């Protein structure tokens, strides 16, 4: 301990302060780096939450002792990345998040035993509205939804019943198409008994009417459906052509546009054909008649007319007649053909294809454009005709044009990636944070720790000692040399510094000579007397 205390005393207050500063800085820097590196990586647990859902989720997390962070004024909750899946399952078991609405979990309460039928009906309506709001809000382009249902209660002894209706307010991302609007209408209509899709009104967050819900809009729906069919036909053909061209000219080096003329007329045609050659016997009726009559010669008397009277012999005449009648009914062959041509048949196709040329690097490595040959364009046109089902009789048109694009193709830097360096956005942010911490550490070591360590390790320079002649004629070494505090002393001239060093060496030599004289005074006196004798001679 005495040696340690002596060593600390020899260091001086300046070095001790420097060592303390270096130690504090190193401890702080490494503690920050360790805490930052070992801290869990936070990721989003839930986003776009209402204040009610955020409060309920925070309560659950605090009760479980889970570390979390709030972002976007409570709309987002961040937790450790490895706990996301487990926490979502646990919160789902608790019915969270509710999406700001109450679903069928309203019937899980134990205080509904004594509720009246009116309260139960209201709760059922609220549950239906909440469940529909959650279902609609789960769609891709819809942030959240609010549903209001009007289900009239059927009265006793009432024959007519008002149909139910619904109104929906949507908060959407961008704009919804007609198909998506009708999908929401049918989704709500099939969930409510007796609700017709035409009686579902939809409004977006800006107050724009998406569906009136007044009914009787069948013509508009048919027109919208036909327009969607046209768009679907054009999109399908365009995708087919682009898929082929991407394999030929490269991804993004071709532009395809398809214009389809669609027949919106619905035609029903009935044809009835009779074939006279195709006769078939349907029925046959035959009638035969035979008659005979006898004529007698002689007078007619009373005796001849009496019963049991013997006929008188005489000459007789007999007349015989027969009649045969046959009726044959024939069925003529007949065929009836009913043909219904639905709307949506393609009348004519027009396909425009724009392809880029080829690029070859020159001597400096700059890309040089080269147009494609006519033979290549003809082959591309043949492929396009085959892909779209080209029909010359209906007037289809396919045009393939080669023009230079405004932007040359960009090299894909990740084309040769084998999956080893495929980093996600979170990984890139993590690496950036570690890089910043490493840079700060290097700067601290270079500009803070290094100068302090150098000051600690570098020994203190001893001040030069000066020799002075005492009153008794002996040499006296002055150990303390006054230090000038002027700012000009900081810029010492090189020759003055060398002179001071030489003076320090001379003072050291004289000090050694003085020590030798003290140790051997007789020999020193003899040497001095010899020098004096030599000078006298």
Protein backbone atom coordinates (compact mmCIF):
# COMPACT_ATOMS: atom_id res chain seq x y z
CA UNK A 1 0.00 0.00 0.00
CA UNK A 2 2.87 2.37 0.76
CA UNK A 3 4.32 1.68 -2.67
CA UNK A 4 0.95 2.30 -4.31
CA UNK A 5 0.53 5.53 -2.37
CA UNK A 6 4.03 6.67 -3.34
CA UNK A 7 3.29 5.82 -6.99
CA UNK A 8 0.09 7.85 -6.88
CA UNK A 9 1.98 10.76 -5.32
CA UNK A 10 4.59 10.63 -8.05
CA UNK A 11 1.89 10.88 -10.72
CA UNK A 12 0.72 14.26 -9.64
CA UNK A 13 -2.81 15.72 -9.59
CA UNK A 14 -2.87 16.41 -13.34
CA UNK A 15 -2.18 12.81 -14.28
CA UNK A 16 -4.63 11.47 -11.73
CA UNK A 17 -7.35 13.77 -13.10
CA UNK A 18 -6.55 12.66 -16.65
CA UNK A 19 -6.69 9.00 -15.65
CA UNK A 20 -10.04 9.54 -13.94
CA UNK A 21 -11.44 11.33 -17.00
CA UNK A 22 -10.25 8.55 -19.33
CA UNK A 23 -11.73 5.87 -17.08
CA UNK A 24 -15.07 7.67 -16.83
CA UNK A 25 -15.26 8.20 -20.60
CA UNK A 26 -14.39 4.59 -21.37
CA UNK A 27 -16.88 3.24 -18.86
CA UNK A 28 -19.63 5.50 -20.21
CA UNK A 29 -18.94 4.71 -23.88
CA UNK A 30 -18.71 0.97 -23.42
CA UNK A 31 -21.74 0.92 -21.14
CA UNK A 32 -23.77 2.78 -23.79
CA UNK A 33 -22.56 0.45 -26.55
CA UNK A 34 -23.32 -2.67 -24.51
CA UNK A 35 -26.78 -1.45 -23.56
CA UNK A 36 -27.52 -0.42 -27.14
CA UNK A 37 -26.32 -3.68 -28.66
CA UNK A 38 -27.97 -5.91 -26.08
CA UNK A 39 -31.25 -3.98 -26.04
CA UNK A 40 -34.11 -5.85 -27.80
CA UNK A 41 -34.99 -4.80 -31.32
CA UNK A 42 -38.39 -3.12 -31.18
CA UNK A 43 -40.97 -3.71 -33.88
CA UNK A 44 -44.62 -2.81 -34.41
CA UNK A 45 -47.13 -4.86 -32.46
CA UNK A 46 -50.22 -3.02 -33.71
CA UNK A 47 -50.66 0.07 -35.87
CA UNK A 48 -53.51 2.52 -36.52
CA UNK A 49 -55.05 1.89 -33.12
CA UNK A 50 -57.77 3.92 -31.50
CA UNK A 51 -57.20 5.44 -28.08
CA UNK A 52 -59.51 2.88 -26.49
CA UNK A 53 -57.61 -0.05 -27.99
CA UNK A 54 -54.25 1.50 -27.10
CA UNK A 55 -55.29 1.96 -23.47
CA UNK A 56 -56.58 -1.62 -23.22
CA UNK A 57 -53.44 -3.10 -24.83
CA UNK A 58 -51.11 -1.02 -22.64
CA UNK A 59 -52.95 -2.23 -19.55
CA UNK A 60 -52.48 -5.84 -20.62
CA UNK A 61 -48.78 -5.33 -21.38
CA UNK A 62 -48.14 -3.61 -18.04
CA UNK A 63 -49.88 -6.42 -16.18
CA UNK A 64 -47.61 -8.95 -17.91
CA UNK A 65 -44.46 -6.88 -17.31
CA UNK A 66 -43.69 -6.56 -21.04
CA UNK A 67 -41.42 -3.73 -22.18
CA UNK A 68 -43.09 -1.58 -24.83
CA UNK A 69 -42.90 1.80 -26.53
CA UNK A 70 -45.63 4.13 -27.80
CA UNK A 71 -45.32 5.92 -31.12
CA UNK A 72 -47.44 8.26 -33.24
CA UNK A 73 -49.27 9.62 -30.21
CA UNK A 74 -50.39 6.20 -29.07
CA UNK A 75 -51.58 4.94 -32.46
CA UNK A 76 -48.68 2.46 -32.67
CA UNK A 77 -47.26 0.14 -30.01
CA UNK A 78 -43.74 -1.31 -30.30
CA UNK A 79 -42.48 -4.40 -28.50
CA UNK A 80 -39.50 -6.73 -28.78
CA UNK A 81 -39.37 -8.52 -32.11
CA UNK A 82 -39.22 -12.02 -30.64
CA UNK A 83 -42.38 -11.39 -28.54
CA UNK A 84 -44.67 -10.14 -31.30
CA UNK A 85 -46.29 -13.46 -32.25
CA UNK A 86 -46.90 -14.55 -28.66
CA UNK A 87 -48.33 -11.19 -27.59
CA UNK A 88 -50.67 -11.05 -30.57
CA UNK A 89 -52.06 -14.48 -29.70
CA UNK A 90 -52.50 -13.53 -26.06
CA UNK A 91 -54.21 -10.24 -26.91
CA UNK A 92 -56.43 -11.99 -29.47
CA UNK A 93 -57.58 -14.34 -26.72
CA UNK A 94 -58.61 -11.23 -24.76
CA UNK A 95 -60.48 -9.83 -27.77
CA UNK A 96 -57.98 -7.06 -28.47
CA UNK A 97 -57.79 -4.93 -30.47
CA UNK A 98 -61.48 -4.34 -31.00
CA UNK A 99 -61.03 -1.80 -33.80
CA UNK A 100 -62.88 0.83 -31.82
CA UNK A 101 -66.12 -1.15 -31.99
CA UNK A 102 -67.87 -3.83 -29.97
CA UNK A 103 -68.61 -7.18 -31.58
CA UNK A 104 -70.25 -10.33 -30.34
CA UNK A 105 -68.11 -10.21 -27.21
CA UNK A 106 -70.81 -7.93 -25.81
CA UNK A 107 -72.74 -11.11 -24.94
CA UNK A 108 -69.82 -12.46 -22.92
CA UNK A 109 -70.71 -10.20 -20.03
CA UNK A 110 -72.28 -11.83 -17.02
CA UNK A 111 -74.62 -8.93 -16.21
CA UNK A 112 -76.99 -9.60 -19.14
CA UNK A 113 -79.05 -12.24 -17.35
CA UNK A 114 -81.82 -9.87 -16.39
CA UNK A 115 -81.75 -7.82 -19.58
CA UNK A 116 -85.02 -7.22 -21.37
CA UNK A 117 -85.70 -8.28 -24.95
CA UNK A 118 -85.35 -4.66 -26.07
CA UNK A 119 -81.85 -4.45 -24.61
CA UNK A 120 -80.92 -7.79 -26.14
CA UNK A 121 -82.10 -6.62 -29.56
CA UNK A 122 -80.07 -3.42 -29.24
CA UNK A 123 -77.00 -5.40 -28.20
CA UNK A 124 -77.46 -7.75 -31.12
CA UNK A 125 -77.66 -4.81 -33.52
CA UNK A 126 -74.53 -3.25 -31.98
CA UNK A 127 -72.71 -6.56 -32.26
CA UNK A 128 -73.62 -6.90 -35.94
CA UNK A 129 -72.46 -3.34 -36.67
CA UNK A 130 -69.19 -3.92 -34.83
CA UNK A 131 -68.43 -7.20 -36.58
CA UNK A 132 -69.20 -5.73 -40.00
CA UNK A 133 -66.98 -2.73 -39.24
CA UNK A 134 -64.08 -5.04 -38.35
CA UNK A 135 -64.60 -7.18 -41.45
CA UNK A 136 -64.75 -4.21 -43.80
CA UNK A 137 -61.76 -2.58 -42.09
CA UNK A 138 -59.68 -5.71 -42.72
CA UNK A 139 -59.81 -5.12 -46.49
CA UNK A 140 -56.61 -3.94 -48.11
CA UNK A 141 -57.52 -0.41 -49.22
CA UNK A 142 -59.83 0.44 -46.31
CA UNK A 143 -58.36 1.83 -43.09
CA UNK A 144 -61.47 1.65 -40.98
CA UNK A 145 -65.23 1.60 -41.39
CA UNK A 146 -68.31 2.54 -39.46
CA UNK A 147 -71.57 0.70 -40.15
CA UNK A 148 -75.12 1.71 -39.23
CA UNK A 149 -77.94 -0.79 -39.70
CA UNK A 150 -81.66 -0.06 -39.77
CA UNK A 151 -83.60 -3.27 -39.25
CA UNK A 152 -87.31 -2.46 -38.74
CA UNK A 153 -89.11 -4.60 -36.21
CA UNK A 154 -92.00 -6.50 -37.66
CA UNK A 155 -95.27 -5.72 -35.91
CA UNK A 156 -98.03 -8.21 -35.23
CA UNK A 157 -100.95 -8.34 -37.69
CA UNK A 158 -98.93 -6.35 -40.19
CA UNK A 159 -98.74 -7.67 -43.71
CA UNK A 160 -96.33 -5.19 -45.26
CA UNK A 161 -92.83 -4.91 -43.89
CA UNK A 162 -90.28 -2.22 -44.52
CA UNK A 163 -87.02 -3.64 -45.89
CA UNK A 164 -83.84 -3.11 -43.87
CA UNK A 165 -81.15 -0.67 -44.97
CA UNK A 166 -77.57 0.17 -44.10
CA UNK A 167 -75.22 3.13 -44.29
CA UNK A 168 -71.43 2.85 -44.24
CA UNK A 169 -68.71 5.47 -43.79
CA UNK A 170 -65.29 4.39 -45.08
CA UNK A 171 -61.83 5.78 -44.48
CA UNK A 172 -59.96 4.62 -47.55
CA UNK A 173 -56.45 4.76 -48.96
CA UNK A 174 -56.73 6.34 -52.38
CA UNK A 175 -59.93 5.63 -54.30
CA UNK A 176 -62.16 2.57 -54.50
CA UNK A 177 -63.24 1.13 -57.82
CA UNK A 178 -66.82 0.16 -58.74
CA UNK A 179 -66.05 -3.50 -58.14
CA UNK A 180 -64.74 -2.86 -54.64
CA UNK A 181 -67.77 -0.71 -53.79
CA UNK A 182 -70.17 -3.41 -54.94
CA UNK A 183 -68.16 -5.98 -52.99
CA UNK A 184 -68.72 -4.00 -49.78
CA UNK A 185 -72.44 -3.71 -50.58
CA UNK A 186 -72.84 -7.44 -51.14
CA UNK A 187 -70.75 -8.23 -48.07
CA UNK A 188 -73.10 -6.26 -45.83
CA UNK A 189 -76.24 -7.42 -47.62
CA UNK A 190 -75.46 -11.11 -47.20
CA UNK A 191 -74.73 -10.62 -43.49
CA UNK A 192 -78.10 -9.03 -42.72
CA UNK A 193 -81.29 -10.99 -43.26
CA UNK A 194 -83.53 -9.43 -45.89
CA UNK A 195 -81.11 -6.64 -46.84
CA UNK A 196 -80.81 -5.90 -50.54
CA UNK A 197 -77.42 -4.67 -51.87
CA UNK A 198 -79.13 -1.73 -53.56
CA UNK A 199 -80.21 -0.41 -50.15
CA UNK A 200 -76.65 -0.08 -48.82
CA UNK A 201 -75.37 3.51 -48.91
CA UNK A 202 -71.61 4.13 -48.84
CA UNK A 203 -69.82 7.43 -48.17
CA UNK A 204 -66.08 8.05 -47.86
CA UNK A 205 -64.33 10.21 -45.28
CA UNK A 206 -64.44 13.28 -47.55
CA UNK A 207 -68.23 13.11 -47.87
CA UNK A 208 -68.19 11.79 -51.44
CA UNK A 209 -71.10 9.48 -52.24
CA UNK A 210 -69.85 6.11 -53.46
CA UNK A 211 -73.19 4.28 -53.50
CA UNK A 212 -76.59 5.94 -53.11
CA UNK A 213 -78.42 2.96 -51.63
CA UNK A 214 -81.71 4.19 -53.12
CA UNK A 215 -82.27 1.05 -55.24
CA UNK A 216 -83.33 0.95 -58.89
CA UNK A 217 -79.76 1.37 -60.07
CA UNK A 218 -79.72 -1.87 -62.04
CA UNK A 219 -78.91 -0.19 -65.36
CA UNK A 220 -75.98 1.60 -63.82
CA UNK A 221 -74.71 -1.62 -62.29
CA UNK A 222 -74.97 -3.42 -65.63
CA UNK A 223 -73.11 -0.63 -67.37
CA UNK A 224 -70.44 -0.64 -64.69
CA UNK A 225 -70.14 -4.42 -64.97
CA UNK A 226 -69.68 -4.21 -68.72
CA UNK A 227 -67.07 -1.51 -68.33
CA UNK A 228 -65.23 -3.70 -65.84
CA UNK A 229 -65.43 -6.57 -68.30
CA UNK A 230 -63.83 -4.41 -70.98
CA UNK A 231 -61.07 -3.37 -68.61
CA UNK A 232 -60.53 -6.98 -67.57
CA UNK A 233 -60.24 -8.13 -71.20
CA UNK A 234 -57.73 -5.39 -72.03
CA UNK A 235 -55.70 -6.07 -68.88
CA UNK A 236 -55.59 -9.83 -69.48
CA UNK A 237 -54.42 -9.43 -73.08
CA UNK A 238 -51.86 -6.79 -72.09
CA UNK A 239 -50.40 -9.05 -69.40
CA UNK A 240 -50.14 -11.95 -71.82
CA UNK A 241 -48.29 -9.86 -74.40
CA UNK A 242 -45.98 -8.24 -71.84
CA UNK A 243 -45.09 -11.62 -70.37
CA UNK A 244 -43.92 -12.80 -73.78
CA UNK A 245 -42.09 -9.59 -74.65
CA UNK A 246 -40.26 -9.46 -71.32
CA UNK A 247 -38.65 -12.76 -72.22
CA UNK A 248 -37.60 -11.41 -75.64
CA UNK A 249 -36.58 -7.77 -75.16
CA UNK A 250 -36.02 -7.77 -71.39
CA UNK A 251 -38.09 -6.60 -68.43
CA UNK A 252 -39.38 -3.06 -68.77
CA UNK A 253 -38.16 -2.63 -72.36
CA UNK A 254 -41.60 -2.91 -73.96
CA UNK A 255 -44.87 -1.03 -73.60
CA UNK A 256 -48.17 -2.63 -74.59
CA UNK A 257 -51.59 -1.05 -74.92
CA UNK A 258 -54.75 -2.94 -75.89
CA UNK A 259 -58.01 -1.35 -76.97
CA UNK A 260 -60.99 -3.70 -77.12
CA UNK A 261 -64.32 -2.76 -78.69
CA UNK A 262 -66.94 -4.76 -76.80
CA UNK A 263 -70.52 -5.28 -77.92
CA UNK A 264 -72.84 -4.29 -75.07
CA UNK A 265 -76.03 -5.51 -76.86
CA UNK A 266 -77.71 -8.67 -75.61
CA UNK A 267 -79.33 -10.67 -78.44
CA UNK A 268 -81.83 -13.54 -78.20
CA UNK A 269 -82.64 -15.36 -81.46
CA UNK A 270 -85.12 -18.26 -81.93
CA UNK A 271 -85.11 -20.30 -85.18
CA UNK A 272 -87.73 -22.91 -86.13
CA UNK A 273 -86.94 -25.19 -89.15
CA UNK A 274 -89.26 -27.67 -90.92
CA UNK A 275 -87.83 -30.54 -92.98
CA UNK A 276 -90.31 -31.87 -95.61
CA UNK A 277 -88.09 -34.81 -96.38
CA UNK A 278 -88.22 -36.03 -92.84
CA UNK A 279 -91.89 -37.21 -92.81
CA UNK A 280 -92.95 -39.63 -90.11
CA UNK A 281 -96.36 -41.43 -89.94
CA UNK A 282 -98.02 -40.22 -86.84
CA UNK A 283 -101.37 -42.13 -87.04
CA UNK A 284 -103.38 -44.29 -89.50
CA UNK A 285 -107.21 -44.64 -89.55
CA UNK A 286 -108.98 -47.27 -91.78
CA UNK A 287 -112.75 -47.49 -92.30
CA UNK A 288 -114.51 -50.29 -94.29
CA UNK A 289 -118.34 -50.49 -95.08
CA UNK A 290 -120.29 -53.29 -96.87
CA UNK A 291 -124.07 -53.14 -97.79
CA UNK A 292 -126.40 -55.63 -99.51
CA UNK A 293 -130.16 -55.43 -100.54
CA UNK A 294 -132.70 -58.02 -101.88
CA UNK A 295 -135.51 -57.12 -104.27
CA UNK A 296 -138.60 -59.45 -104.84
CA UNK A 297 -140.87 -59.70 -107.87
CA UNK A 298 -144.72 -60.12 -107.51
CA UNK A 299 -147.69 -58.42 -105.92
CA UNK A 300 -147.85 -57.41 -102.40
CA UNK A 301 -150.86 -58.98 -100.67
CA UNK A 302 -152.12 -59.32 -97.16
CA UNK A 303 -151.11 -62.91 -97.03
CA UNK A 304 -147.58 -62.11 -97.90
CA UNK A 305 -147.34 -59.68 -95.11
CA UNK A 306 -148.75 -61.93 -92.44
CA UNK A 307 -146.32 -63.42 -90.00
CA UNK A 308 -145.18 -66.97 -90.60
CA UNK A 309 -146.53 -66.75 -94.04
CA UNK A 310 -144.69 -68.73 -96.57
CA UNK A 311 -142.92 -66.77 -99.11
CA UNK A 312 -144.16 -67.12 -102.45
CA UNK A 313 -141.87 -68.52 -104.94
CA UNK A 314 -140.84 -66.15 -107.58
CA UNK A 315 -137.86 -64.33 -108.98
CA UNK A 316 -135.63 -62.29 -106.50
CA UNK A 317 -132.82 -59.55 -107.04
CA UNK A 318 -129.77 -58.91 -104.67
CA UNK A 319 -127.65 -55.66 -104.67
CA UNK A 320 -124.18 -55.61 -102.87
CA UNK A 321 -121.97 -52.46 -102.15
CA UNK A 322 -118.64 -52.01 -100.19
CA UNK A 323 -116.74 -48.86 -99.10
CA UNK A 324 -113.12 -48.68 -97.79
CA UNK A 325 -111.69 -45.42 -96.31
CA UNK A 326 -108.13 -44.96 -94.97
CA UNK A 327 -106.76 -41.76 -93.33
CA UNK A 328 -102.95 -41.47 -92.71
CA UNK A 329 -101.56 -38.55 -90.61
CA UNK A 330 -97.88 -37.58 -91.17
CA UNK A 331 -95.62 -35.58 -88.77
CA UNK A 332 -93.17 -33.27 -90.52
CA UNK A 333 -89.68 -32.98 -88.88
CA UNK A 334 -89.21 -29.67 -87.06
CA UNK A 335 -86.29 -28.23 -85.12
CA UNK A 336 -86.34 -25.19 -82.83
CA UNK A 337 -83.08 -23.40 -81.95
CA UNK A 338 -82.85 -20.55 -79.42
CA UNK A 339 -79.54 -18.68 -79.31
CA UNK A 340 -78.75 -16.08 -76.64
CA UNK A 341 -75.77 -13.83 -77.34
CA UNK A 342 -74.74 -12.17 -74.09
CA UNK A 343 -73.28 -8.70 -73.96
CA UNK A 344 -69.53 -8.47 -73.79
CA UNK A 345 -68.48 -10.02 -77.09
CA UNK A 346 -65.30 -8.55 -78.57
CA UNK A 347 -65.94 -6.78 -81.84
CA UNK A 348 -62.46 -5.58 -82.63
CA UNK A 349 -59.00 -5.49 -81.06
CA UNK A 350 -56.30 -2.88 -81.51
CA UNK A 351 -52.88 -3.67 -80.03
CA UNK A 352 -50.01 -1.16 -79.95
CA UNK A 353 -46.57 -2.47 -79.00
CA UNK A 354 -43.58 -0.20 -78.42
CA UNK A 355 -40.22 -1.93 -77.99
CA UNK A 356 -36.83 -0.49 -77.19
CA UNK A 357 -33.66 -1.28 -79.10
CA UNK A 358 -30.49 -2.91 -77.86
CA UNK A 359 -27.61 -1.29 -75.99
CA UNK A 360 -23.97 -2.24 -76.35
CA UNK A 361 -21.10 -0.63 -74.40
CA UNK A 362 -18.53 1.32 -76.39
CA UNK A 363 -14.85 1.72 -75.67
CA UNK A 364 -15.52 4.00 -72.68
CA UNK A 365 -18.21 1.72 -71.29
CA UNK A 366 -21.10 4.03 -72.22
CA UNK A 367 -24.18 2.30 -73.68
CA UNK A 368 -24.75 2.80 -77.39
CA UNK A 369 -28.26 2.41 -78.81
CA UNK A 370 -28.85 0.04 -81.72
CA UNK A 371 -32.32 -0.28 -83.33
CA UNK A 372 -33.84 -3.70 -83.85
CA UNK A 373 -34.06 -5.23 -87.30
CA UNK A 374 -37.30 -5.46 -89.24
CA UNK A 375 -37.12 -9.24 -89.13
CA UNK A 376 -37.13 -9.15 -85.33
CA UNK A 377 -40.10 -6.78 -85.30
CA UNK A 378 -42.02 -9.09 -87.66
CA UNK A 379 -41.39 -12.05 -85.40
CA UNK A 380 -42.56 -10.04 -82.40
CA UNK A 381 -45.72 -9.09 -84.33
CA UNK A 382 -46.41 -12.77 -85.05
CA UNK A 383 -46.09 -13.58 -81.35
CA UNK A 384 -48.41 -10.73 -80.41
CA UNK A 385 -51.06 -11.82 -82.94
CA UNK A 386 -50.99 -15.34 -81.59
CA UNK A 387 -51.22 -14.14 -77.98
CA UNK A 388 -54.28 -11.90 -78.48
CA UNK A 389 -56.17 -14.23 -80.84
CA UNK A 390 -55.85 -12.05 -83.92
CA UNK A 391 -58.83 -12.27 -86.32
CA UNK A 392 -58.50 -10.44 -89.60
CA UNK A 393 -62.18 -10.89 -90.49
CA UNK A 394 -63.33 -8.69 -87.64
CA UNK A 395 -60.72 -6.02 -88.42
CA UNK A 396 -58.15 -6.58 -85.67
CA UNK A 397 -55.03 -4.46 -85.84
CA UNK A 398 -51.56 -5.10 -84.37
CA UNK A 399 -48.77 -2.53 -84.65
CA UNK A 400 -45.21 -3.12 -83.45
CA UNK A 401 -42.93 -0.05 -83.44
CA UNK A 402 -39.28 0.21 -82.42
CA UNK A 403 -38.28 3.50 -80.78
CA UNK A 404 -35.59 4.49 -78.32
CA UNK A 405 -36.78 4.96 -74.76
CA UNK A 406 -35.95 8.13 -72.90
CA UNK A 407 -34.07 6.23 -70.15
CA UNK A 408 -31.56 3.47 -70.94
CA UNK A 409 -31.81 0.20 -69.03
CA UNK A 410 -30.38 0.33 -65.53
CA UNK A 411 -28.01 -2.36 -64.33
CA UNK A 412 -29.52 -4.50 -61.62
CA UNK A 413 -26.96 -4.52 -58.86
CA UNK A 414 -28.74 -7.28 -57.05
CA UNK A 415 -29.04 -9.59 -60.05
CA UNK A 416 -26.18 -11.80 -58.88
CA UNK A 417 -27.38 -11.97 -55.31
CA UNK A 418 -27.65 -15.52 -54.07
CA UNK A 419 -29.74 -14.69 -51.03
CA UNK A 420 -26.82 -14.44 -48.58
CA UNK A 421 -26.94 -10.63 -48.40
CA UNK A 422 -30.68 -10.17 -48.74
CA UNK A 423 -31.34 -7.88 -45.81
CA UNK A 424 -34.64 -6.49 -44.69
CA UNK A 425 -35.32 -2.86 -43.83
CA UNK A 426 -34.99 -3.57 -40.12
CA UNK A 427 -31.61 -5.24 -40.65
CA UNK A 428 -30.33 -2.25 -42.62
CA UNK A 429 -31.45 0.16 -39.88
CA UNK A 430 -29.77 -2.05 -37.27
CA UNK A 431 -26.50 -2.10 -39.20
CA UNK A 432 -26.65 1.67 -39.60
CA UNK A 433 -27.05 2.13 -35.84
CA UNK A 434 -24.11 -0.17 -35.14
CA UNK A 435 -22.02 1.69 -37.72
CA UNK A 436 -22.79 5.04 -36.09
CA UNK A 437 -21.87 3.65 -32.67
CA UNK A 438 -18.62 2.25 -34.03
CA UNK A 439 -17.75 5.59 -35.65
CA UNK A 440 -18.45 7.48 -32.42
CA UNK A 441 -16.24 5.03 -30.52
CA UNK A 442 -13.36 5.50 -32.96
CA UNK A 443 -13.65 9.30 -32.74
CA UNK A 444 -13.65 9.19 -28.93
CA UNK A 445 -10.59 6.97 -28.88
CA UNK A 446 -8.69 9.16 -31.34
CA UNK A 447 -9.56 12.63 -30.13
CA UNK A 448 -10.30 12.16 -26.41
CA UNK A 449 -8.77 9.01 -25.00
CA UNK A 450 -5.55 9.09 -27.00
CA UNK A 451 -4.46 12.61 -25.94
CA UNK A 452 -5.24 11.84 -22.30
CA UNK A 453 -3.29 8.59 -22.40
CA UNK A 454 -0.37 10.31 -24.05
CA UNK A 455 -0.29 12.89 -21.28
CA UNK A 456 -0.39 10.14 -18.66
CA UNK A 457 2.36 8.03 -20.23
CA UNK A 458 4.71 10.87 -21.24
CA UNK A 459 7.16 11.63 -18.35
CA UNK A 460 7.43 15.15 -17.03
CA UNK A 461 10.43 17.08 -18.26
CA UNK A 462 12.76 18.22 -15.48
CA UNK A 463 13.49 21.87 -15.37
CA UNK A 464 17.11 22.79 -16.14
CA UNK A 465 19.22 23.56 -13.12
CA UNK A 466 21.52 26.56 -12.94
CA UNK A 467 24.80 26.88 -11.05
CA UNK A 468 25.35 29.94 -8.90
CA UNK A 469 28.43 31.01 -6.81
CA UNK A 470 27.60 31.30 -3.15
CA UNK A 471 28.89 33.90 -0.70
CA UNK A 472 31.67 31.57 0.44
CA UNK A 473 32.90 31.04 -3.13
CA UNK A 474 31.44 27.54 -3.53
CA UNK A 475 29.15 26.41 -6.37
CA UNK A 476 25.47 26.24 -5.45
CA UNK A 477 22.89 24.43 -7.59
CA UNK A 478 19.59 26.25 -7.84
CA UNK A 479 16.82 23.63 -8.08
CA UNK A 480 14.00 25.99 -8.79
CA UNK A 481 13.98 27.99 -11.98
CA UNK A 482 11.26 30.56 -12.26
CA UNK A 483 8.84 29.81 -15.09
CA UNK A 484 7.65 32.71 -17.11
CA UNK A 485 3.97 32.86 -17.65
CA UNK A 486 4.06 34.96 -20.73
CA UNK A 487 2.35 33.61 -23.78
CA UNK A 488 5.48 34.21 -25.83
CA UNK A 489 7.30 31.40 -23.96
CA UNK A 490 5.03 28.86 -25.61
CA UNK A 491 6.74 29.51 -28.95
CA UNK A 492 10.31 28.76 -28.00
CA UNK A 493 13.03 29.22 -30.59
CA UNK A 494 14.81 26.04 -31.54
CA UNK A 495 18.34 27.29 -30.67
CA UNK A 496 17.17 28.49 -27.25
CA UNK A 497 15.76 25.04 -26.53
CA UNK A 498 19.07 23.44 -27.51
CA UNK A 499 20.96 25.87 -25.26
CA UNK A 500 18.79 24.96 -22.33
CA UNK A 501 19.42 21.28 -22.96
CA UNK A 502 23.21 21.83 -23.06
CA UNK A 503 23.03 23.86 -19.86
CA UNK A 504 21.09 21.05 -18.20
CA UNK A 505 23.82 18.58 -19.25
CA UNK A 506 26.57 20.85 -17.88
CA UNK A 507 24.68 21.26 -14.61
CA UNK A 508 24.35 17.52 -14.36
CA UNK A 509 28.09 17.06 -14.98
CA UNK A 510 28.99 19.65 -12.36
CA UNK A 511 26.63 17.98 -9.92
CA UNK A 512 28.38 14.66 -10.50
CA UNK A 513 31.79 16.33 -9.96
CA UNK A 514 30.55 17.83 -6.72
CA UNK A 515 29.39 14.40 -5.56
CA UNK A 516 32.78 12.91 -6.36
CA UNK A 517 34.54 15.68 -4.42
CA UNK A 518 32.35 15.01 -1.40
CA UNK A 519 33.09 11.31 -1.55
CA UNK A 520 36.84 11.69 -2.12
CA UNK A 521 37.96 15.06 -0.71
CA UNK A 522 41.71 14.15 -0.35
CA UNK A 523 42.10 13.04 -3.91
CA UNK A 524 40.22 16.11 -5.10
CA UNK A 525 42.53 18.45 -3.14
CA UNK A 526 45.60 16.67 -4.58
CA UNK A 527 44.28 17.08 -8.12
CA UNK A 528 43.53 20.76 -7.61
CA UNK A 529 47.04 21.39 -6.16
CA UNK A 530 48.53 19.66 -9.18
CA UNK A 531 46.55 21.96 -11.51
CA UNK A 532 47.74 25.01 -9.54
CA UNK A 533 51.39 23.89 -9.67
CA UNK A 534 51.14 23.41 -13.43
CA UNK A 535 49.71 26.91 -13.85
CA UNK A 536 52.50 28.39 -11.63
CA UNK A 537 55.22 26.64 -13.59
